[in-house]
């Protein structure tokens, strides 16, 4: 009996190794689904509910919330794209929710594991009656990132006297992201690499430089890297900080390649108008403040001199759901496929 158990164990181990080798050889398979984000949008049960747009699309005022947010985005876009646009209504920005799922285990039919959700902008020019490609990456959301920041990082620092980061923090997430953006699935749907635009860190100081880009505005420099900067660097992304014209605070633009030459002006404007709107709703203390950032600027989420938008947003719910999403990623992705993920990560190269 003992010999049979040992033999079964060896057989199962060989199967696991074969599955790992098959995964490493074939890489992961990604699928992409597109959903229109308009005033009639209803979040799917599979949507990562911590995303800004999903938060807006619930409750009694869901349709008015979405309508107001989309109007803010379009008004900001036309204000920035003012050339040959005398009435400020030449362009219409349409948004698609791009949901990325991953197949990790063909033999056991384990597919459609949620991975990433982003917004893709599409620009309609009413004057020429044609569409212009926008930029993907807006409102970047990731289950594994939620796991890392809302579960792993917190668990690692429990009962510790000083904050520290786990070894290899962000390595798996960075490689999964690189694998996706280099995949055929990504290349089939997007012509340009993503721009991920986020709020600046509230515990860092930013100094305005003399450089001014016609669309991105004044560039700021950070006094030191943040944990988010280091995390995103493992995704192959660099960061630059700009305060666009008529904005009140700089934003962080994470990108690969050259931010200033790889994208069209309209593409950059589509990202700015989308993300600045969400930041005004989500972080009004910074991005809807009643005073503009100075030459030396430190963001402050306790700042009281700001205005509210006409959009309801539940920040407490967002924080709670981030923890729940992190636990979901642990239970349904990290824990059951730990061995495969570790082997894949150790052998992953571009």
Protein backbone atom coordinates (compact mmCIF):
# COMPACT_ATOMS: atom_id res chain seq x y z
CA UNK A 1 0.00 0.00 0.00
CA UNK A 2 2.80 2.41 0.95
CA UNK A 3 4.59 1.65 -2.35
CA UNK A 4 1.39 2.41 -4.29
CA UNK A 5 0.96 5.76 -2.51
CA UNK A 6 4.58 6.71 -3.29
CA UNK A 7 4.10 5.67 -6.92
CA UNK A 8 0.88 7.74 -7.20
CA UNK A 9 2.72 10.70 -5.69
CA UNK A 10 5.50 10.41 -8.29
CA UNK A 11 2.94 10.16 -11.10
CA UNK A 12 1.10 13.28 -9.87
CA UNK A 13 4.42 15.13 -9.53
CA UNK A 14 5.31 14.23 -13.12
CA UNK A 15 1.88 15.49 -14.26
CA UNK A 16 2.42 18.79 -12.43
CA UNK A 17 5.85 19.20 -14.04
CA UNK A 18 4.41 18.39 -17.46
CA UNK A 19 1.65 20.96 -16.98
CA UNK A 20 4.19 23.57 -15.88
CA UNK A 21 6.44 22.84 -18.87
CA UNK A 22 3.43 23.07 -21.17
CA UNK A 23 2.46 26.43 -19.64
CA UNK A 24 6.02 27.76 -19.92
CA UNK A 25 6.29 26.57 -23.52
CA UNK A 26 2.98 27.95 -24.71
CA UNK A 27 2.75 31.00 -22.44
CA UNK A 28 -0.59 32.06 -21.05
CA UNK A 29 -3.50 32.65 -23.40
CA UNK A 30 -5.35 35.96 -23.06
CA UNK A 31 -8.85 36.88 -24.12
CA UNK A 32 -10.28 40.38 -24.37
CA UNK A 33 -13.86 41.58 -24.10
CA UNK A 34 -15.06 45.09 -24.91
CA UNK A 35 -17.99 46.86 -23.22
CA UNK A 36 -19.20 50.36 -24.05
CA UNK A 37 -19.03 52.81 -21.14
CA UNK A 38 -21.97 55.16 -21.58
CA UNK A 39 -24.84 56.38 -19.43
CA UNK A 40 -26.60 53.03 -19.87
CA UNK A 41 -23.66 50.98 -18.58
CA UNK A 42 -24.38 48.33 -15.94
CA UNK A 43 -21.37 46.60 -14.31
CA UNK A 44 -21.05 42.91 -15.07
CA UNK A 45 -20.99 40.52 -12.14
CA UNK A 46 -17.43 39.68 -13.27
CA UNK A 47 -16.29 43.31 -13.31
CA UNK A 48 -13.63 44.31 -10.79
CA UNK A 49 -15.97 46.51 -8.74
CA UNK A 50 -13.22 48.73 -7.34
CA UNK A 51 -12.79 50.40 -10.71
CA UNK A 52 -13.91 54.03 -10.73
CA UNK A 53 -16.47 53.65 -13.51
CA UNK A 54 -18.14 50.63 -11.87
CA UNK A 55 -18.45 52.55 -8.60
CA UNK A 56 -20.27 55.36 -10.41
CA UNK A 57 -22.67 53.00 -12.16
CA UNK A 58 -24.55 51.82 -9.08
CA UNK A 59 -27.22 53.29 -6.87
CA UNK A 60 -30.20 55.57 -7.46
CA UNK A 61 -28.20 58.20 -9.36
CA UNK A 62 -26.22 55.79 -11.51
CA UNK A 63 -27.36 57.14 -14.89
CA UNK A 64 -26.96 60.79 -13.90
CA UNK A 65 -23.57 59.98 -12.39
CA UNK A 66 -22.37 58.47 -15.64
CA UNK A 67 -23.89 61.26 -17.74
CA UNK A 68 -22.20 63.94 -15.63
CA UNK A 69 -18.84 62.18 -15.67
CA UNK A 70 -18.93 61.66 -19.44
CA UNK A 71 -19.91 65.30 -20.00
CA UNK A 72 -16.96 66.38 -17.84
CA UNK A 73 -14.63 64.20 -19.92
CA UNK A 74 -15.91 65.56 -23.25
CA UNK A 75 -15.85 69.19 -22.12
CA UNK A 76 -12.28 68.82 -20.89
CA UNK A 77 -11.23 67.08 -24.10
CA UNK A 78 -12.61 69.86 -26.31
CA UNK A 79 -11.08 72.54 -24.08
CA UNK A 80 -7.64 70.99 -24.54
CA UNK A 81 -8.20 70.21 -28.25
CA UNK A 82 -9.10 73.82 -29.00
CA UNK A 83 -7.32 74.23 -32.35
CA UNK A 84 -9.84 74.59 -35.19
CA UNK A 85 -12.55 73.94 -32.62
CA UNK A 86 -14.16 77.38 -32.08
CA UNK A 87 -17.39 76.11 -30.49
CA UNK A 88 -15.67 73.55 -28.29
CA UNK A 89 -17.78 70.69 -29.58
CA UNK A 90 -15.80 69.24 -32.47
CA UNK A 91 -14.84 65.98 -30.72
CA UNK A 92 -16.75 63.24 -28.96
CA UNK A 93 -14.76 60.89 -26.74
CA UNK A 94 -16.15 57.37 -26.55
CA UNK A 95 -14.91 54.94 -23.91
CA UNK A 96 -14.62 51.16 -24.04
CA UNK A 97 -14.08 48.95 -21.00
CA UNK A 98 -11.47 46.38 -22.04
CA UNK A 99 -11.65 43.31 -19.80
CA UNK A 100 -8.68 40.93 -20.01
CA UNK A 101 -8.98 37.33 -18.87
CA UNK A 102 -6.34 34.61 -18.84
CA UNK A 103 -6.32 30.89 -19.52
CA UNK A 104 -3.82 29.23 -17.18
CA UNK A 105 -4.66 25.52 -17.34
CA UNK A 106 -5.98 24.13 -20.63
CA UNK A 107 -6.17 20.52 -19.47
CA UNK A 108 -8.42 21.28 -16.54
CA UNK A 109 -10.45 23.85 -18.49
CA UNK A 110 -9.45 26.68 -16.16
CA UNK A 111 -9.87 29.82 -18.23
CA UNK A 112 -11.38 33.28 -18.11
CA UNK A 113 -9.58 34.12 -14.88
CA UNK A 114 -9.97 37.90 -14.46
CA UNK A 115 -6.69 39.74 -14.80
CA UNK A 116 -6.84 43.37 -15.98
CA UNK A 117 -9.48 45.96 -16.79
CA UNK A 118 -8.73 49.27 -18.51
CA UNK A 119 -10.48 51.99 -20.46
CA UNK A 120 -9.69 52.54 -24.14
CA UNK A 121 -10.47 55.95 -25.63
CA UNK A 122 -11.91 56.39 -29.12
CA UNK A 123 -12.09 59.91 -30.57
CA UNK A 124 -14.83 60.84 -33.01
CA UNK A 125 -14.15 63.95 -35.08
CA UNK A 126 -17.48 65.51 -36.03
CA UNK A 127 -15.82 67.78 -38.61
CA UNK A 128 -14.26 64.96 -40.66
CA UNK A 129 -16.83 62.33 -39.60
CA UNK A 130 -14.13 59.80 -38.74
CA UNK A 131 -12.73 57.99 -35.75
CA UNK A 132 -9.22 58.53 -34.39
CA UNK A 133 -7.42 56.02 -32.18
CA UNK A 134 -7.10 57.02 -28.57
CA UNK A 135 -5.03 55.46 -25.79
CA UNK A 136 -5.47 52.32 -23.70
CA UNK A 137 -4.49 52.03 -20.04
CA UNK A 138 -6.87 54.55 -18.50
CA UNK A 139 -8.29 53.51 -15.12
CA UNK A 140 -5.85 50.61 -14.96
CA UNK A 141 -7.18 47.89 -12.67
CA UNK A 142 -5.61 44.55 -11.78
CA UNK A 143 -6.62 41.68 -9.51
CA UNK A 144 -2.99 40.74 -8.79
CA UNK A 145 -2.14 44.36 -7.96
CA UNK A 146 -5.06 44.36 -5.50
CA UNK A 147 -3.68 41.18 -3.96
CA UNK A 148 -0.20 42.67 -3.65
CA UNK A 149 -1.23 46.00 -2.11
CA UNK A 150 -4.45 45.15 -0.25
CA UNK A 151 -3.54 41.72 1.08
CA UNK A 152 0.11 40.65 0.75
CA UNK A 153 1.65 43.98 1.79
CA UNK A 154 -0.71 44.35 4.77
CA UNK A 155 -0.19 40.75 5.95
CA UNK A 156 3.58 41.11 5.60
CA UNK A 157 3.65 44.18 7.85
CA UNK A 158 1.39 42.89 10.62
CA UNK A 159 3.00 43.26 14.05
CA UNK A 160 6.14 44.82 12.54
CA UNK A 161 7.63 47.91 14.15
CA UNK A 162 8.57 49.47 10.80
CA UNK A 163 7.18 49.20 7.29
CA UNK A 164 8.95 46.90 4.85
CA UNK A 165 8.24 45.35 1.46
CA UNK A 166 8.16 41.57 0.84
CA UNK A 167 10.97 40.06 -1.19
CA UNK A 168 10.23 40.05 -4.94
CA UNK A 169 7.19 42.30 -4.37
CA UNK A 170 5.52 42.97 -7.73
CA UNK A 171 7.68 40.56 -9.75
CA UNK A 172 4.80 38.25 -10.80
CA UNK A 173 2.47 41.14 -11.59
CA UNK A 174 5.13 42.87 -13.68
CA UNK A 175 5.82 39.77 -15.73
CA UNK A 176 2.12 39.05 -16.29
CA UNK A 177 1.67 42.62 -17.52
CA UNK A 178 4.67 42.36 -19.87
CA UNK A 179 3.39 39.02 -21.14
CA UNK A 180 0.00 40.54 -21.95
CA UNK A 181 1.24 43.72 -23.71
CA UNK A 182 3.63 41.64 -25.83
CA UNK A 183 0.93 39.08 -26.70
CA UNK A 184 -0.83 38.69 -30.04
CA UNK A 185 -4.10 39.50 -28.25
CA UNK A 186 -2.83 42.95 -27.30
CA UNK A 187 -1.35 43.64 -30.74
CA UNK A 188 -4.61 42.67 -32.42
CA UNK A 189 -6.59 45.27 -30.46
CA UNK A 190 -4.18 48.14 -29.77
CA UNK A 191 -1.74 50.08 -31.95
CA UNK A 192 0.08 51.88 -29.13
CA UNK A 193 1.44 50.83 -25.76
CA UNK A 194 -0.65 51.85 -22.74
CA UNK A 195 -0.39 55.05 -20.74
CA UNK A 196 -1.38 54.52 -17.12
CA UNK A 197 -2.23 57.86 -15.53
CA UNK A 198 -2.50 58.00 -11.73
CA UNK A 199 -2.70 60.50 -8.92
CA UNK A 200 0.57 61.79 -7.52
CA UNK A 201 1.67 60.42 -4.14
CA UNK A 202 0.48 62.35 -1.09
CA UNK A 203 3.72 61.68 0.81
CA UNK A 204 6.12 62.94 -1.87
CA UNK A 205 7.13 66.48 -2.88
CA UNK A 206 7.06 67.69 -6.49
CA UNK A 207 9.04 70.59 -7.98
CA UNK A 208 7.97 72.33 -11.19
CA UNK A 209 10.60 72.54 -13.92
CA UNK A 210 10.91 75.08 -16.72
CA UNK A 211 9.88 72.54 -19.35
CA UNK A 212 6.35 72.99 -20.71
CA UNK A 213 4.79 70.56 -23.19
CA UNK A 214 1.97 71.99 -25.36
CA UNK A 215 -0.49 69.28 -24.28
CA UNK A 216 0.89 67.74 -21.08
CA UNK A 217 1.75 71.14 -19.60
CA UNK A 218 4.44 71.88 -17.01
CA UNK A 219 6.65 68.99 -15.99
CA UNK A 220 7.27 68.33 -12.31
CA UNK A 221 10.03 66.26 -10.74
CA UNK A 222 9.56 64.03 -7.71
CA UNK A 223 11.90 64.15 -4.71
CA UNK A 224 12.11 60.34 -4.51
CA UNK A 225 10.52 57.24 -5.98
CA UNK A 226 7.32 55.92 -4.41
CA UNK A 227 6.41 52.28 -3.85
CA UNK A 228 3.99 52.57 -6.79
CA UNK A 229 6.81 53.87 -9.02
CA UNK A 230 8.96 50.88 -8.12
CA UNK A 231 6.03 48.49 -8.59
CA UNK A 232 5.25 49.88 -12.04
CA UNK A 233 8.93 49.81 -13.02
CA UNK A 234 8.68 46.01 -12.79
CA UNK A 235 6.02 46.28 -15.48
CA UNK A 236 8.61 47.98 -17.70
CA UNK A 237 7.08 51.43 -17.15
CA UNK A 238 8.80 54.75 -16.49
CA UNK A 239 7.06 57.74 -14.93
CA UNK A 240 6.94 61.46 -15.67
CA UNK A 241 4.84 64.07 -13.90
CA UNK A 242 2.95 66.82 -15.75
CA UNK A 243 0.31 69.40 -14.86
CA UNK A 244 -1.80 69.95 -18.01
CA UNK A 245 -3.03 73.45 -18.98
CA UNK A 246 -5.74 74.75 -16.61
CA UNK A 247 -5.23 71.83 -14.23
CA UNK A 248 -4.57 72.44 -10.53
CA UNK A 249 -2.16 69.58 -9.76
CA UNK A 250 0.29 67.31 -11.62
CA UNK A 251 -0.52 63.72 -12.53
CA UNK A 252 1.75 60.70 -12.89
CA UNK A 253 2.05 59.27 -16.42
CA UNK A 254 3.43 55.73 -16.49
CA UNK A 255 4.62 54.65 -19.92
CA UNK A 256 7.10 52.62 -21.92
CA UNK A 257 8.97 54.15 -24.83
CA UNK A 258 8.83 57.94 -25.23
CA UNK A 259 5.82 59.70 -23.74
CA UNK A 260 6.44 62.86 -25.80
CA UNK A 261 6.88 61.32 -29.26
CA UNK A 262 5.10 57.95 -29.30
CA UNK A 263 1.57 59.39 -29.01
CA UNK A 264 -0.47 61.93 -30.92
CA UNK A 265 -1.61 65.14 -29.23
CA UNK A 266 -5.22 63.96 -29.42
CA UNK A 267 -4.24 60.62 -27.90
CA UNK A 268 -2.58 62.36 -24.96
CA UNK A 269 -5.57 64.68 -24.58
CA UNK A 270 -7.91 61.68 -24.45
CA UNK A 271 -5.93 60.20 -21.56
CA UNK A 272 -5.69 63.52 -19.69
CA UNK A 273 -9.38 64.37 -20.01
CA UNK A 274 -10.48 60.90 -18.93
CA UNK A 275 -8.17 60.48 -15.96
CA UNK A 276 -8.35 64.07 -14.73
CA UNK A 277 -12.13 63.76 -14.59
CA UNK A 278 -11.98 60.60 -12.49
CA UNK A 279 -9.37 62.17 -10.23
CA UNK A 280 -11.59 65.23 -9.71
CA UNK A 281 -14.35 62.86 -8.62
CA UNK A 282 -12.21 60.48 -6.56
CA UNK A 283 -9.61 62.89 -5.13
CA UNK A 284 -11.21 66.36 -5.18
CA UNK A 285 -8.88 67.53 -2.38
CA UNK A 286 -6.04 67.38 -4.91
CA UNK A 287 -7.54 67.62 -8.40
CA UNK A 288 -10.55 69.83 -7.77
CA UNK A 289 -8.80 72.14 -5.31
CA UNK A 290 -9.65 75.84 -5.50
CA UNK A 291 -5.96 76.82 -5.72
CA UNK A 292 -3.31 75.73 -8.19
CA UNK A 293 -0.20 73.75 -7.26
CA UNK A 294 2.82 75.95 -6.66
CA UNK A 295 6.38 75.54 -7.87
CA UNK A 296 7.03 73.21 -4.93
CA UNK A 297 3.99 71.04 -4.29
CA UNK A 298 3.02 68.33 -1.82
CA UNK A 299 -0.44 66.78 -2.33
CA UNK A 300 -2.65 66.66 0.74
CA UNK A 301 -5.76 64.51 1.03
CA UNK A 302 -6.76 66.51 4.13
CA UNK A 303 -6.83 69.77 2.17
CA UNK A 304 -10.20 71.46 2.79
CA UNK A 305 -10.33 74.18 0.13
CA UNK A 306 -11.81 72.21 -2.76
CA UNK A 307 -15.05 71.84 -4.72
CA UNK A 308 -17.18 68.75 -5.19
CA UNK A 309 -18.36 67.54 -8.58
CA UNK A 310 -21.98 66.63 -9.31
CA UNK A 311 -21.04 62.94 -9.23
CA UNK A 312 -21.58 60.64 -6.24
CA UNK A 313 -18.62 58.44 -5.37
CA UNK A 314 -18.28 56.01 -2.46
CA UNK A 315 -14.63 56.02 -1.44
CA UNK A 316 -15.21 53.86 1.64
CA UNK A 317 -16.79 51.17 -0.49
CA UNK A 318 -13.86 51.33 -2.90
CA UNK A 319 -11.34 50.73 -0.10
CA UNK A 320 -13.35 47.83 1.28
CA UNK A 321 -13.80 46.20 -2.11
CA UNK A 322 -10.08 46.49 -2.87
CA UNK A 323 -9.42 44.19 0.09
CA UNK A 324 -12.13 41.78 -1.05
CA UNK A 325 -10.74 41.72 -4.59
CA UNK A 326 -7.27 41.03 -3.20
CA UNK A 327 -8.60 38.07 -1.24
CA UNK A 328 -10.42 36.83 -4.35
CA UNK A 329 -7.15 36.89 -6.30
CA UNK A 330 -5.43 34.95 -3.52
CA UNK A 331 -8.13 32.27 -3.28
CA UNK A 332 -8.81 31.80 -7.00
CA UNK A 333 -5.48 32.60 -8.65
CA UNK A 334 -2.40 32.94 -6.44
CA UNK A 335 -2.98 30.02 -4.05
CA UNK A 336 -4.32 27.28 -6.38
CA UNK A 337 -1.73 27.99 -9.10
CA UNK A 338 1.22 28.94 -6.90
CA UNK A 339 3.53 26.24 -8.30
CA UNK A 340 2.73 26.96 -11.94
CA UNK A 341 3.02 30.73 -11.45
CA UNK A 342 6.37 30.45 -9.68
CA UNK A 343 7.80 28.19 -12.38
CA UNK A 344 6.44 30.39 -15.15
CA UNK A 345 7.78 33.55 -13.51
CA UNK A 346 11.25 32.00 -13.01
CA UNK A 347 11.46 31.11 -16.71
CA UNK A 348 9.69 34.13 -18.22
CA UNK A 349 11.69 36.16 -20.77
CA UNK A 350 10.61 38.52 -23.53
